[in-house]
N, C-alpha and C. Protein backbone atom coordinates (compact mmCIF):
# COMPACT_ATOMS: atom_id res chain seq x y z
N MET A 1 134.89 35.45 124.63
CA MET A 1 135.25 36.22 125.80
C MET A 1 136.47 35.57 126.46
N ASN A 2 137.35 36.37 127.02
CA ASN A 2 138.57 35.87 127.65
C ASN A 2 138.26 35.20 128.98
N ASP A 3 139.18 34.36 129.40
CA ASP A 3 139.03 33.71 130.70
C ASP A 3 138.98 34.71 131.85
N PRO A 4 139.86 35.73 131.86
CA PRO A 4 139.77 36.70 132.96
C PRO A 4 138.42 37.43 133.00
N ASP A 5 137.86 37.71 131.82
CA ASP A 5 136.55 38.38 131.79
C ASP A 5 135.47 37.49 132.38
N LYS A 6 135.51 36.21 132.03
CA LYS A 6 134.52 35.27 132.57
C LYS A 6 134.65 35.15 134.08
N LEU A 7 135.89 35.05 134.54
CA LEU A 7 136.11 34.95 135.98
C LEU A 7 135.63 36.20 136.71
N LEU A 8 135.88 37.36 136.12
CA LEU A 8 135.45 38.61 136.73
C LEU A 8 133.93 38.70 136.79
N GLN A 9 133.25 38.27 135.74
CA GLN A 9 131.79 38.29 135.75
C GLN A 9 131.23 37.31 136.76
N ARG A 10 131.84 36.15 136.88
CA ARG A 10 131.37 35.16 137.87
C ARG A 10 131.58 35.69 139.29
N LEU A 11 132.73 36.34 139.50
CA LEU A 11 133.00 36.90 140.82
C LEU A 11 132.01 38.00 141.17
N ALA A 12 131.71 38.88 140.22
CA ALA A 12 130.75 39.96 140.45
C ALA A 12 129.36 39.40 140.73
N ALA A 13 128.96 38.37 139.98
CA ALA A 13 127.65 37.76 140.20
C ALA A 13 127.57 37.11 141.57
N ALA A 14 128.63 36.43 141.98
CA ALA A 14 128.63 35.78 143.29
C ALA A 14 128.58 36.82 144.40
N THR A 15 129.23 37.93 144.21
CA THR A 15 129.22 38.98 145.23
C THR A 15 127.83 39.59 145.36
N ARG A 16 127.18 39.83 144.23
CA ARG A 16 125.84 40.42 144.28
C ARG A 16 124.84 39.46 144.92
N SER A 17 124.95 38.18 144.65
CA SER A 17 123.95 37.24 145.15
C SER A 17 124.17 36.89 146.62
N ASP A 18 125.39 36.99 147.11
CA ASP A 18 125.69 36.57 148.48
C ASP A 18 126.03 37.77 149.34
N GLY A 19 125.21 38.81 149.29
CA GLY A 19 125.47 40.03 150.06
C GLY A 19 125.26 39.80 151.55
N ASP A 20 125.98 40.56 152.36
CA ASP A 20 125.88 40.48 153.81
C ASP A 20 124.72 41.38 154.26
N PRO A 21 123.73 40.83 154.95
CA PRO A 21 122.58 41.66 155.35
C PRO A 21 122.94 42.69 156.41
N TYR A 22 124.04 42.50 157.12
CA TYR A 22 124.43 43.42 158.19
C TYR A 22 125.56 44.36 157.76
N ALA A 23 125.83 44.44 156.47
CA ALA A 23 126.94 45.25 156.00
C ALA A 23 126.72 46.74 156.22
N ASP A 24 125.49 47.19 156.30
CA ASP A 24 125.20 48.61 156.45
C ASP A 24 125.25 49.09 157.89
N GLU A 25 125.30 48.19 158.85
CA GLU A 25 125.29 48.57 160.26
C GLU A 25 126.72 48.73 160.78
N LEU A 26 126.89 49.74 161.65
CA LEU A 26 128.17 49.93 162.31
C LEU A 26 128.28 49.00 163.51
N PRO A 27 129.49 48.59 163.87
CA PRO A 27 129.64 47.80 165.09
C PRO A 27 129.15 48.58 166.30
N LEU A 28 128.73 47.88 167.31
CA LEU A 28 128.15 48.49 168.50
C LEU A 28 129.15 49.43 169.17
N GLY A 29 128.79 50.68 169.33
CA GLY A 29 129.60 51.66 170.03
C GLY A 29 130.69 52.33 169.19
N LEU A 30 130.82 51.98 167.92
CA LEU A 30 131.87 52.56 167.10
C LEU A 30 131.66 54.07 166.90
N ALA A 31 130.47 54.46 166.58
CA ALA A 31 130.19 55.89 166.36
C ALA A 31 130.46 56.69 167.62
N THR A 32 130.10 56.14 168.78
CA THR A 32 130.33 56.83 170.04
C THR A 32 131.82 57.00 170.31
N ARG A 33 132.61 55.93 170.05
CA ARG A 33 134.05 56.00 170.28
C ARG A 33 134.72 57.01 169.34
N VAL A 34 134.29 57.01 168.09
CA VAL A 34 134.88 57.94 167.12
C VAL A 34 134.57 59.38 167.50
N LEU A 35 133.33 59.66 167.85
CA LEU A 35 132.97 61.02 168.25
C LEU A 35 133.67 61.44 169.53
N ALA A 36 133.86 60.52 170.46
CA ALA A 36 134.56 60.85 171.70
C ALA A 36 136.02 61.20 171.41
N LYS A 37 136.66 60.47 170.51
CA LYS A 37 138.05 60.77 170.15
C LYS A 37 138.16 62.13 169.47
N LEU A 38 137.19 62.45 168.62
CA LEU A 38 137.21 63.74 167.94
C LEU A 38 137.02 64.90 168.91
N ARG A 39 136.15 64.74 169.87
CA ARG A 39 135.88 65.80 170.83
C ARG A 39 136.99 65.94 171.85
N GLU A 40 137.73 64.86 172.08
CA GLU A 40 138.76 64.83 173.10
C GLU A 40 139.86 65.85 172.81
N GLY A 41 140.27 65.93 171.56
CA GLY A 41 141.34 66.84 171.20
C GLY A 41 142.63 66.44 171.90
N ARG A 42 143.72 67.05 171.48
CA ARG A 42 144.99 66.74 172.13
C ARG A 42 145.93 67.92 171.94
N ALA A 43 146.86 68.02 172.84
CA ALA A 43 147.87 69.08 172.75
C ALA A 43 148.90 68.67 171.71
N PRO A 44 149.45 69.62 170.98
CA PRO A 44 150.48 69.26 169.99
C PRO A 44 151.73 68.73 170.68
N THR A 45 152.37 67.78 170.03
CA THR A 45 153.58 67.21 170.59
C THR A 45 154.73 68.21 170.48
N LEU A 46 155.81 67.92 171.15
CA LEU A 46 156.98 68.79 171.12
C LEU A 46 157.51 68.91 169.69
N TRP A 47 157.52 67.80 168.97
CA TRP A 47 158.01 67.82 167.59
C TRP A 47 157.14 68.71 166.71
N GLU A 48 155.82 68.63 166.86
CA GLU A 48 154.91 69.47 166.07
C GLU A 48 155.12 70.94 166.40
N THR A 49 155.28 71.27 167.66
CA THR A 49 155.51 72.65 168.06
C THR A 49 156.82 73.17 167.47
N PHE A 50 157.87 72.36 167.54
CA PHE A 50 159.17 72.76 166.99
C PHE A 50 159.08 72.94 165.48
N ALA A 51 158.41 72.03 164.79
CA ALA A 51 158.31 72.10 163.33
C ALA A 51 157.56 73.35 162.90
N LEU A 52 156.47 73.66 163.56
CA LEU A 52 155.71 74.85 163.20
C LEU A 52 156.46 76.13 163.54
N GLY A 53 157.23 76.12 164.62
CA GLY A 53 158.01 77.30 164.98
C GLY A 53 159.21 77.51 164.07
N ALA A 54 159.77 76.40 163.57
CA ALA A 54 160.96 76.49 162.72
C ALA A 54 160.62 76.81 161.26
N LEU A 55 159.38 76.68 160.89
CA LEU A 55 158.99 76.90 159.50
C LEU A 55 159.28 78.31 159.02
N PRO A 56 158.91 79.37 159.72
CA PRO A 56 159.24 80.72 159.24
C PRO A 56 160.75 80.97 159.17
N VAL A 57 161.49 80.43 160.13
CA VAL A 57 162.94 80.60 160.13
C VAL A 57 163.54 79.92 158.90
N ALA A 58 163.08 78.72 158.61
CA ALA A 58 163.59 78.00 157.45
C ALA A 58 163.25 78.72 156.15
N ALA A 59 162.07 79.32 156.10
CA ALA A 59 161.68 80.06 154.89
C ALA A 59 162.58 81.29 154.69
N VAL A 60 162.88 82.02 155.76
CA VAL A 60 163.74 83.19 155.66
C VAL A 60 165.15 82.78 155.24
N ILE A 61 165.68 81.72 155.82
CA ILE A 61 167.02 81.25 155.46
C ILE A 61 167.07 80.82 154.00
N THR A 62 166.03 80.14 153.55
CA THR A 62 165.99 79.69 152.16
C THR A 62 165.97 80.87 151.20
N ILE A 63 165.16 81.88 151.49
CA ILE A 63 165.08 83.06 150.63
C ILE A 63 166.42 83.80 150.62
N ALA A 64 167.06 83.91 151.78
CA ALA A 64 168.35 84.59 151.86
C ALA A 64 169.42 83.84 151.06
N CYS A 65 169.42 82.52 151.14
CA CYS A 65 170.40 81.73 150.39
C CYS A 65 170.19 81.88 148.89
N VAL A 66 168.95 81.91 148.47
CA VAL A 66 168.68 82.06 147.03
C VAL A 66 169.10 83.45 146.55
N MET A 67 168.81 84.47 147.35
CA MET A 67 169.14 85.83 146.93
C MET A 67 170.64 86.10 146.97
N LEU A 68 171.32 85.63 147.98
CA LEU A 68 172.74 85.91 148.13
C LEU A 68 173.63 84.91 147.40
N GLY A 69 173.13 83.75 147.16
CA GLY A 69 173.96 82.71 146.58
C GLY A 69 174.06 82.75 145.07
N SER A 70 173.10 83.34 144.39
CA SER A 70 173.15 83.34 142.93
C SER A 70 173.92 84.56 142.45
N PRO A 71 174.88 84.35 141.55
CA PRO A 71 175.64 85.51 141.04
C PRO A 71 174.76 86.36 140.13
N GLU A 72 174.91 87.67 140.27
CA GLU A 72 174.10 88.57 139.46
C GLU A 72 174.62 88.66 138.03
N THR A 73 175.94 88.71 137.89
CA THR A 73 176.53 88.76 136.56
C THR A 73 177.63 87.72 136.48
N GLN A 74 177.89 87.27 135.29
CA GLN A 74 178.96 86.31 135.09
C GLN A 74 180.25 87.06 134.80
N PRO A 75 181.37 86.52 135.24
CA PRO A 75 182.64 87.19 134.95
C PRO A 75 182.90 87.15 133.44
N PRO A 76 183.52 88.20 132.94
CA PRO A 76 183.77 88.23 131.49
C PRO A 76 184.80 87.19 131.08
N ASP A 77 184.69 86.75 129.85
CA ASP A 77 185.65 85.79 129.31
C ASP A 77 186.97 86.50 129.04
N ASP A 78 188.03 85.72 128.93
CA ASP A 78 189.35 86.29 128.65
C ASP A 78 189.37 87.02 127.31
N ALA A 79 188.69 86.47 126.33
CA ALA A 79 188.67 87.11 125.01
C ALA A 79 187.99 88.46 125.07
N ASP A 80 186.95 88.58 125.85
CA ASP A 80 186.26 89.86 126.00
C ASP A 80 187.16 90.89 126.68
N VAL A 81 187.90 90.47 127.68
CA VAL A 81 188.79 91.38 128.40
C VAL A 81 189.90 91.86 127.46
N ILE A 82 190.48 90.95 126.71
CA ILE A 82 191.55 91.32 125.77
C ILE A 82 191.03 92.28 124.72
N ALA A 83 189.85 92.01 124.17
CA ALA A 83 189.27 92.89 123.16
C ALA A 83 189.00 94.28 123.74
N GLN A 84 188.51 94.35 124.95
CA GLN A 84 188.22 95.64 125.58
C GLN A 84 189.50 96.43 125.81
N VAL A 85 190.56 95.77 126.25
CA VAL A 85 191.83 96.45 126.49
C VAL A 85 192.41 96.96 125.18
N MET A 86 192.29 96.15 124.15
CA MET A 86 192.82 96.58 122.85
C MET A 86 192.05 97.79 122.31
N LEU A 87 190.76 97.84 122.54
CA LEU A 87 189.97 98.97 122.06
C LEU A 87 190.26 100.25 122.85
N GLU A 88 190.58 100.12 124.10
CA GLU A 88 190.80 101.29 124.96
C GLU A 88 192.21 101.86 124.85
N THR A 89 193.16 101.07 124.44
CA THR A 89 194.53 101.58 124.35
C THR A 89 194.75 102.26 122.99
N GLU A 90 195.52 103.28 123.03
CA GLU A 90 195.83 104.00 121.79
C GLU A 90 196.97 103.29 121.08
N LEU A 91 196.82 103.23 119.82
CA LEU A 91 197.88 102.63 119.02
C LEU A 91 198.92 103.69 118.71
N THR A 92 200.12 103.43 119.06
CA THR A 92 201.19 104.37 118.76
C THR A 92 202.21 103.66 117.89
N THR A 93 202.77 104.42 117.04
CA THR A 93 203.81 103.87 116.19
C THR A 93 205.16 104.37 116.67
N SER A 94 206.06 103.55 116.73
CA SER A 94 207.39 103.99 117.15
C SER A 94 208.35 103.93 115.97
N ARG A 95 209.10 105.02 115.76
CA ARG A 95 210.03 105.07 114.63
C ARG A 95 211.41 105.17 115.09
């Protein structure tokens, strides 16, 4: 067995044998203080109010930027334009 494994087993054994008899009890008045804080409630701060109010505005701006900012079609390449012009023009022979 490795040294770390032996040390880990010794540590676990020492922990099991030397348990704290009062580990399951809460400190005096802790439960009362926690419940009082929960019942107390609090008003949202200015920053929280601003953040929640700005959220829909930010969502609308983001959607608008995505919709308006992305190009729908790519501009044609120069070779495509030249080929299209050549196909559309009539070939005439001059004598």
